[in-house]
Amino acid sequence: MTRVKRGTTANKRREAVLKHAKGFKWGRKSKERSAKDALYHAWSYAFVGRKLKKREYRRLWQTRIDAGVRPHGLSYSRFIHALKQKKIELDRKVLSELAVNYPEVFQKIVSAVK
């Protein structure tokens, strides 16, 4: 049987773990076991964070729309209900963008809904 040296695979794996842990504090950037543990936590937090991001942006859009329709004597929920009744299919992201950057266009949408 020929001799098999297994250093290359282990070294590649170790390098990959430490490369991902670059920028971590203390031993978590240089010690393989700590780095691996820190990465498992970091990746799970990142996964959760990607889901939370969608939630938080939707809340932001709703707040912006609500702030935009209040001066016109409407609430957010009544405005969205009226949009659905009139079959105006603009999503919250677009509506909030209009409310913030193009108030005159947003005002026309609100007047069309009233």
N, C-alpha and C. Protein backbone atom coordinates (compact mmCIF):
# COMPACT_ATOMS: atom_id res chain seq x y z
N MET A 1 0.85 -1.19 0.00
CA MET A 1 0.00 0.00 0.00
C MET A 1 0.89 1.24 0.00
N THR A 2 0.51 2.19 -0.80
CA THR A 2 1.29 3.43 -0.83
C THR A 2 0.85 4.35 0.30
N ARG A 3 1.74 5.22 0.63
CA ARG A 3 1.48 6.14 1.74
C ARG A 3 0.62 7.31 1.25
N VAL A 4 -0.40 7.66 2.02
CA VAL A 4 -1.27 8.78 1.66
C VAL A 4 -1.04 9.90 2.66
N LYS A 5 -0.66 11.06 2.15
CA LYS A 5 -0.50 12.23 3.03
C LYS A 5 -1.76 13.06 2.93
N ARG A 6 -2.38 13.33 4.06
CA ARG A 6 -3.69 13.97 4.05
C ARG A 6 -3.63 15.44 4.42
N GLY A 7 -2.46 16.02 4.43
CA GLY A 7 -2.32 17.40 4.90
C GLY A 7 -3.02 18.41 4.01
N THR A 8 -3.02 18.20 2.69
CA THR A 8 -3.54 19.23 1.79
C THR A 8 -5.02 19.49 2.01
N THR A 9 -5.82 18.44 2.16
CA THR A 9 -7.26 18.62 2.35
C THR A 9 -7.54 19.35 3.66
N ALA A 10 -6.89 18.91 4.71
CA ALA A 10 -7.10 19.53 6.02
C ALA A 10 -6.68 20.99 5.99
N ASN A 11 -5.55 21.26 5.34
CA ASN A 11 -5.06 22.64 5.27
C ASN A 11 -6.02 23.53 4.49
N LYS A 12 -6.54 22.99 3.38
CA LYS A 12 -7.49 23.78 2.57
C LYS A 12 -8.74 24.11 3.39
N ARG A 13 -9.24 23.12 4.11
CA ARG A 13 -10.44 23.35 4.93
C ARG A 13 -10.16 24.38 6.01
N ARG A 14 -9.01 24.26 6.65
CA ARG A 14 -8.62 25.18 7.72
C ARG A 14 -8.46 26.60 7.17
N GLU A 15 -7.83 26.72 6.02
CA GLU A 15 -7.65 28.04 5.40
C GLU A 15 -8.99 28.66 5.04
N ALA A 16 -9.92 27.84 4.54
CA ALA A 16 -11.23 28.35 4.14
C ALA A 16 -11.98 28.88 5.35
N VAL A 17 -11.91 28.15 6.47
CA VAL A 17 -12.60 28.60 7.69
C VAL A 17 -11.99 29.90 8.16
N LEU A 18 -10.68 29.97 8.20
CA LEU A 18 -10.02 31.18 8.71
C LEU A 18 -10.19 32.36 7.77
N LYS A 19 -10.32 32.07 6.46
CA LYS A 19 -10.55 33.16 5.50
C LYS A 19 -11.91 33.80 5.76
N HIS A 20 -12.92 32.97 6.04
CA HIS A 20 -14.25 33.51 6.32
C HIS A 20 -14.31 34.25 7.65
N ALA A 21 -13.40 33.88 8.58
CA ALA A 21 -13.41 34.50 9.91
C ALA A 21 -12.54 35.75 9.96
N LYS A 22 -12.09 36.21 8.83
CA LYS A 22 -11.24 37.40 8.80
C LYS A 22 -12.03 38.61 9.32
N GLY A 23 -11.41 39.37 10.20
CA GLY A 23 -12.07 40.53 10.76
C GLY A 23 -12.74 40.26 12.10
N PHE A 24 -12.78 39.01 12.53
CA PHE A 24 -13.36 38.70 13.83
C PHE A 24 -12.37 39.12 14.92
N LYS A 25 -12.88 39.30 16.13
CA LYS A 25 -12.03 39.73 17.24
C LYS A 25 -11.37 38.53 17.93
N TRP A 26 -10.30 38.83 18.63
CA TRP A 26 -9.57 37.93 19.50
C TRP A 26 -9.16 36.64 18.79
N GLY A 27 -9.35 35.48 19.44
CA GLY A 27 -8.86 34.24 18.87
C GLY A 27 -9.77 33.69 17.78
N ARG A 28 -10.93 34.30 17.64
CA ARG A 28 -11.89 33.76 16.66
C ARG A 28 -11.44 33.98 15.23
N LYS A 29 -10.42 34.80 15.04
CA LYS A 29 -9.92 34.99 13.68
C LYS A 29 -8.73 34.10 13.37
N SER A 30 -8.12 33.50 14.42
CA SER A 30 -6.89 32.75 14.19
C SER A 30 -6.94 31.30 14.66
N LYS A 31 -7.82 30.99 15.57
CA LYS A 31 -7.92 29.62 16.09
C LYS A 31 -9.08 28.91 15.40
N GLU A 32 -8.77 27.76 14.81
CA GLU A 32 -9.74 27.10 13.94
C GLU A 32 -11.04 26.76 14.67
N ARG A 33 -10.94 26.21 15.87
CA ARG A 33 -12.15 25.78 16.57
C ARG A 33 -13.04 26.98 16.91
N SER A 34 -12.43 28.04 17.42
CA SER A 34 -13.21 29.24 17.76
C SER A 34 -13.79 29.88 16.52
N ALA A 35 -13.00 29.88 15.45
CA ALA A 35 -13.46 30.49 14.20
C ALA A 35 -14.66 29.74 13.65
N LYS A 36 -14.60 28.42 13.68
CA LYS A 36 -15.70 27.61 13.15
C LYS A 36 -16.98 27.86 13.95
N ASP A 37 -16.85 27.91 15.28
CA ASP A 37 -18.00 28.17 16.14
C ASP A 37 -18.58 29.56 15.87
N ALA A 38 -17.70 30.55 15.75
CA ALA A 38 -18.16 31.92 15.50
C ALA A 38 -18.85 32.01 14.14
N LEU A 39 -18.34 31.29 13.15
CA LEU A 39 -18.93 31.33 11.81
C LEU A 39 -20.31 30.69 11.79
N TYR A 40 -20.49 29.59 12.53
CA TYR A 40 -21.82 28.97 12.58
C TYR A 40 -22.84 29.97 13.11
N HIS A 41 -22.46 30.69 14.18
CA HIS A 41 -23.36 31.70 14.74
C HIS A 41 -23.58 32.84 13.75
N ALA A 42 -22.50 33.32 13.15
CA ALA A 42 -22.60 34.45 12.22
C ALA A 42 -23.49 34.11 11.04
N TRP A 43 -23.34 32.93 10.51
CA TRP A 43 -24.13 32.55 9.33
C TRP A 43 -25.61 32.38 9.70
N SER A 44 -25.88 31.86 10.90
CA SER A 44 -27.28 31.71 11.29
C SER A 44 -27.91 33.08 11.52
N TYR A 45 -27.15 34.01 12.11
CA TYR A 45 -27.66 35.37 12.30
C TYR A 45 -27.89 36.05 10.95
N ALA A 46 -27.00 35.81 10.02
CA ALA A 46 -27.15 36.41 8.69
C ALA A 46 -28.40 35.89 8.00
N PHE A 47 -28.68 34.60 8.16
CA PHE A 47 -29.89 34.01 7.56
C PHE A 47 -31.14 34.67 8.14
N VAL A 48 -31.18 34.79 9.46
CA VAL A 48 -32.32 35.42 10.13
C VAL A 48 -32.42 36.88 9.70
N GLY A 49 -31.27 37.54 9.61
CA GLY A 49 -31.25 38.95 9.24
C GLY A 49 -31.82 39.21 7.87
N ARG A 50 -31.60 38.30 6.95
CA ARG A 50 -32.15 38.47 5.60
C ARG A 50 -33.67 38.41 5.62
N LYS A 51 -34.23 37.62 6.53
CA LYS A 51 -35.69 37.56 6.66
C LYS A 51 -36.22 38.82 7.35
N LEU A 52 -35.52 39.26 8.39
CA LEU A 52 -35.95 40.45 9.13
C LEU A 52 -35.90 41.70 8.26
N LYS A 53 -34.94 41.74 7.37
CA LYS A 53 -34.78 42.91 6.49
C LYS A 53 -36.05 43.17 5.69
N LYS A 54 -36.64 42.11 5.16
CA LYS A 54 -37.86 42.24 4.37
C LYS A 54 -38.99 42.78 5.23
N ARG A 55 -39.08 42.26 6.47
CA ARG A 55 -40.11 42.70 7.41
C ARG A 55 -39.96 44.18 7.74
N GLU A 56 -38.73 44.58 8.03
CA GLU A 56 -38.46 45.96 8.45
C GLU A 56 -38.72 46.95 7.31
N TYR A 57 -38.35 46.56 6.09
CA TYR A 57 -38.60 47.46 4.96
C TYR A 57 -40.09 47.63 4.72
N ARG A 58 -40.86 46.56 4.85
CA ARG A 58 -42.31 46.68 4.66
C ARG A 58 -42.90 47.63 5.70
N ARG A 59 -42.43 47.54 6.95
CA ARG A 59 -42.91 48.45 7.99
C ARG A 59 -42.54 49.90 7.67
N LEU A 60 -41.33 50.09 7.14
CA LEU A 60 -40.90 51.44 6.77
C LEU A 60 -41.78 52.01 5.67
N TRP A 61 -42.08 51.18 4.66
CA TRP A 61 -42.94 51.64 3.56
C TRP A 61 -44.32 52.01 4.07
N GLN A 62 -44.86 51.20 4.97
CA GLN A 62 -46.18 51.48 5.53
C GLN A 62 -46.18 52.80 6.30
N THR A 63 -45.14 53.04 7.06
CA THR A 63 -45.03 54.28 7.83
C THR A 63 -44.96 55.48 6.90
N ARG A 64 -44.18 55.36 5.84
CA ARG A 64 -44.05 56.47 4.89
C ARG A 64 -45.37 56.76 4.18
N ILE A 65 -46.08 55.72 3.78
CA ILE A 65 -47.37 55.90 3.11
C ILE A 65 -48.35 56.55 4.08
N ASP A 66 -48.36 56.08 5.32
CA ASP A 66 -49.25 56.64 6.33
C ASP A 66 -48.96 58.13 6.53
N ALA A 67 -47.68 58.48 6.61
CA ALA A 67 -47.30 59.89 6.77
C ALA A 67 -47.72 60.71 5.55
N GLY A 68 -47.74 60.07 4.40
CA GLY A 68 -48.11 60.78 3.17
C GLY A 68 -49.61 61.01 3.04
N VAL A 69 -50.43 60.08 3.56
CA VAL A 69 -51.88 60.21 3.38
C VAL A 69 -52.57 60.94 4.54
N ARG A 70 -51.93 61.06 5.68
CA ARG A 70 -52.54 61.73 6.83
C ARG A 70 -52.95 63.18 6.51
N PRO A 71 -52.10 63.98 5.84
CA PRO A 71 -52.52 65.35 5.53
C PRO A 71 -53.75 65.42 4.62
N HIS A 72 -54.06 64.35 3.91
CA HIS A 72 -55.21 64.33 3.01
C HIS A 72 -56.46 63.78 3.70
N GLY A 73 -56.37 63.56 5.01
CA GLY A 73 -57.53 63.13 5.77
C GLY A 73 -57.83 61.65 5.66
N LEU A 74 -56.83 60.84 5.35
CA LEU A 74 -57.01 59.39 5.27
C LEU A 74 -56.06 58.71 6.24
N SER A 75 -56.41 57.48 6.61
CA SER A 75 -55.46 56.66 7.35
C SER A 75 -54.85 55.65 6.37
N TYR A 76 -53.79 55.00 6.80
CA TYR A 76 -53.10 54.03 5.94
C TYR A 76 -54.04 52.91 5.50
N SER A 77 -54.77 52.36 6.46
CA SER A 77 -55.61 51.19 6.14
C SER A 77 -56.75 51.57 5.20
N ARG A 78 -57.35 52.74 5.40
CA ARG A 78 -58.42 53.18 4.51
C ARG A 78 -57.88 53.46 3.10
N PHE A 79 -56.67 53.99 3.05
CA PHE A 79 -56.04 54.29 1.76
C PHE A 79 -55.78 53.01 0.98
N ILE A 80 -55.21 52.01 1.64
CA ILE A 80 -54.91 50.73 0.99
C ILE A 80 -56.21 50.05 0.56
N HIS A 81 -57.22 50.12 1.40
CA HIS A 81 -58.52 49.52 1.05
C HIS A 81 -59.11 50.21 -0.18
N ALA A 82 -59.02 51.54 -0.21
CA ALA A 82 -59.55 52.30 -1.34
C ALA A 82 -58.78 51.98 -2.62
N LEU A 83 -57.46 51.79 -2.50
CA LEU A 83 -56.65 51.42 -3.67
C LEU A 83 -57.14 50.09 -4.25
N LYS A 84 -57.40 49.13 -3.37
CA LYS A 84 -57.87 47.82 -3.83
C LYS A 84 -59.25 47.93 -4.47
N GLN A 85 -60.12 48.77 -3.89
CA GLN A 85 -61.46 48.97 -4.45
C GLN A 85 -61.40 49.55 -5.86
N LYS A 86 -60.48 50.51 -6.07
CA LYS A 86 -60.34 51.18 -7.37
C LYS A 86 -59.47 50.38 -8.35
N LYS A 87 -58.94 49.23 -7.86
CA LYS A 87 -58.09 48.35 -8.67
C LYS A 87 -56.82 49.06 -9.15
N ILE A 88 -56.25 49.88 -8.26
CA ILE A 88 -54.94 50.50 -8.54
C ILE A 88 -53.89 49.59 -7.93
N GLU A 89 -53.10 48.94 -8.77
CA GLU A 89 -52.17 47.92 -8.29
C GLU A 89 -50.75 48.46 -8.21
N LEU A 90 -50.52 49.32 -7.22
CA LEU A 90 -49.17 49.80 -6.92
C LEU A 90 -48.77 49.19 -5.59
N ASP A 91 -47.57 48.64 -5.54
CA ASP A 91 -47.15 48.03 -4.29
C ASP A 91 -46.65 49.10 -3.31
N ARG A 92 -46.46 48.66 -2.06
CA ARG A 92 -46.11 49.60 -1.00
C ARG A 92 -44.76 50.26 -1.23
N LYS A 93 -43.83 49.53 -1.82
CA LYS A 93 -42.50 50.09 -2.07
C LYS A 93 -42.60 51.29 -3.01
N VAL A 94 -43.35 51.14 -4.09
CA VAL A 94 -43.51 52.21 -5.08
C VAL A 94 -44.27 53.37 -4.46
N LEU A 95 -45.33 53.06 -3.72
CA LEU A 95 -46.13 54.12 -3.11
C LEU A 95 -45.31 54.94 -2.12
N SER A 96 -44.47 54.28 -1.33
CA SER A 96 -43.66 55.01 -0.37
C SER A 96 -42.62 55.87 -1.08
N GLU A 97 -42.08 55.35 -2.18
CA GLU A 97 -41.11 56.12 -2.97
C GLU A 97 -41.78 57.38 -3.54
N LEU A 98 -43.00 57.22 -4.02
CA LEU A 98 -43.74 58.37 -4.54
C LEU A 98 -44.05 59.37 -3.43
N ALA A 99 -44.44 58.87 -2.27
CA ALA A 99 -44.81 59.75 -1.15
C ALA A 99 -43.62 60.58 -0.70
N VAL A 100 -42.42 59.99 -0.73
CA VAL A 100 -41.23 60.70 -0.25
C VAL A 100 -40.65 61.61 -1.33
N ASN A 101 -40.47 61.09 -2.54
CA ASN A 101 -39.73 61.82 -3.57
C ASN A 101 -40.61 62.61 -4.54
N TYR A 102 -41.84 62.16 -4.76
CA TYR A 102 -42.72 62.81 -5.73
C TYR A 102 -44.09 63.07 -5.09
N PRO A 103 -44.17 64.02 -4.16
CA PRO A 103 -45.43 64.23 -3.44
C PRO A 103 -46.58 64.67 -4.34
N GLU A 104 -46.28 65.38 -5.44
CA GLU A 104 -47.36 65.83 -6.32
C GLU A 104 -48.01 64.65 -7.04
N VAL A 105 -47.20 63.66 -7.42
CA VAL A 105 -47.74 62.45 -8.07
C VAL A 105 -48.55 61.65 -7.04
N PHE A 106 -48.01 61.56 -5.84
CA PHE A 106 -48.69 60.83 -4.77
C PHE A 106 -50.03 61.49 -4.45
N GLN A 107 -50.05 62.81 -4.48
CA GLN A 107 -51.29 63.55 -4.21
C GLN A 107 -52.36 63.21 -5.26
N LYS A 108 -51.93 63.07 -6.51
CA LYS A 108 -52.88 62.70 -7.57
C LYS A 108 -53.46 61.31 -7.34
N ILE A 109 -52.63 60.40 -6.86
CA ILE A 109 -53.09 59.04 -6.57
C ILE A 109 -54.12 59.09 -5.42
N VAL A 110 -53.80 59.88 -4.40
CA VAL A 110 -54.71 60.00 -3.25
C VAL A 110 -56.05 60.60 -3.69
N SER A 111 -55.99 61.64 -4.54
CA SER A 111 -57.23 62.27 -5.01
C SER A 111 -58.03 61.33 -5.90
N ALA A 112 -57.35 60.47 -6.66
CA ALA A 112 -58.04 59.49 -7.49
C ALA A 112 -58.76 58.45 -6.63
N VAL A 113 -58.20 58.17 -5.48
CA VAL A 113 -58.77 57.16 -4.59
C VAL A 113 -59.94 57.72 -3.80
N LYS A 114 -59.90 59.00 -3.43
CA LYS A 114 -60.95 59.62 -2.59
C LYS A 114 -62.30 59.63 -3.28
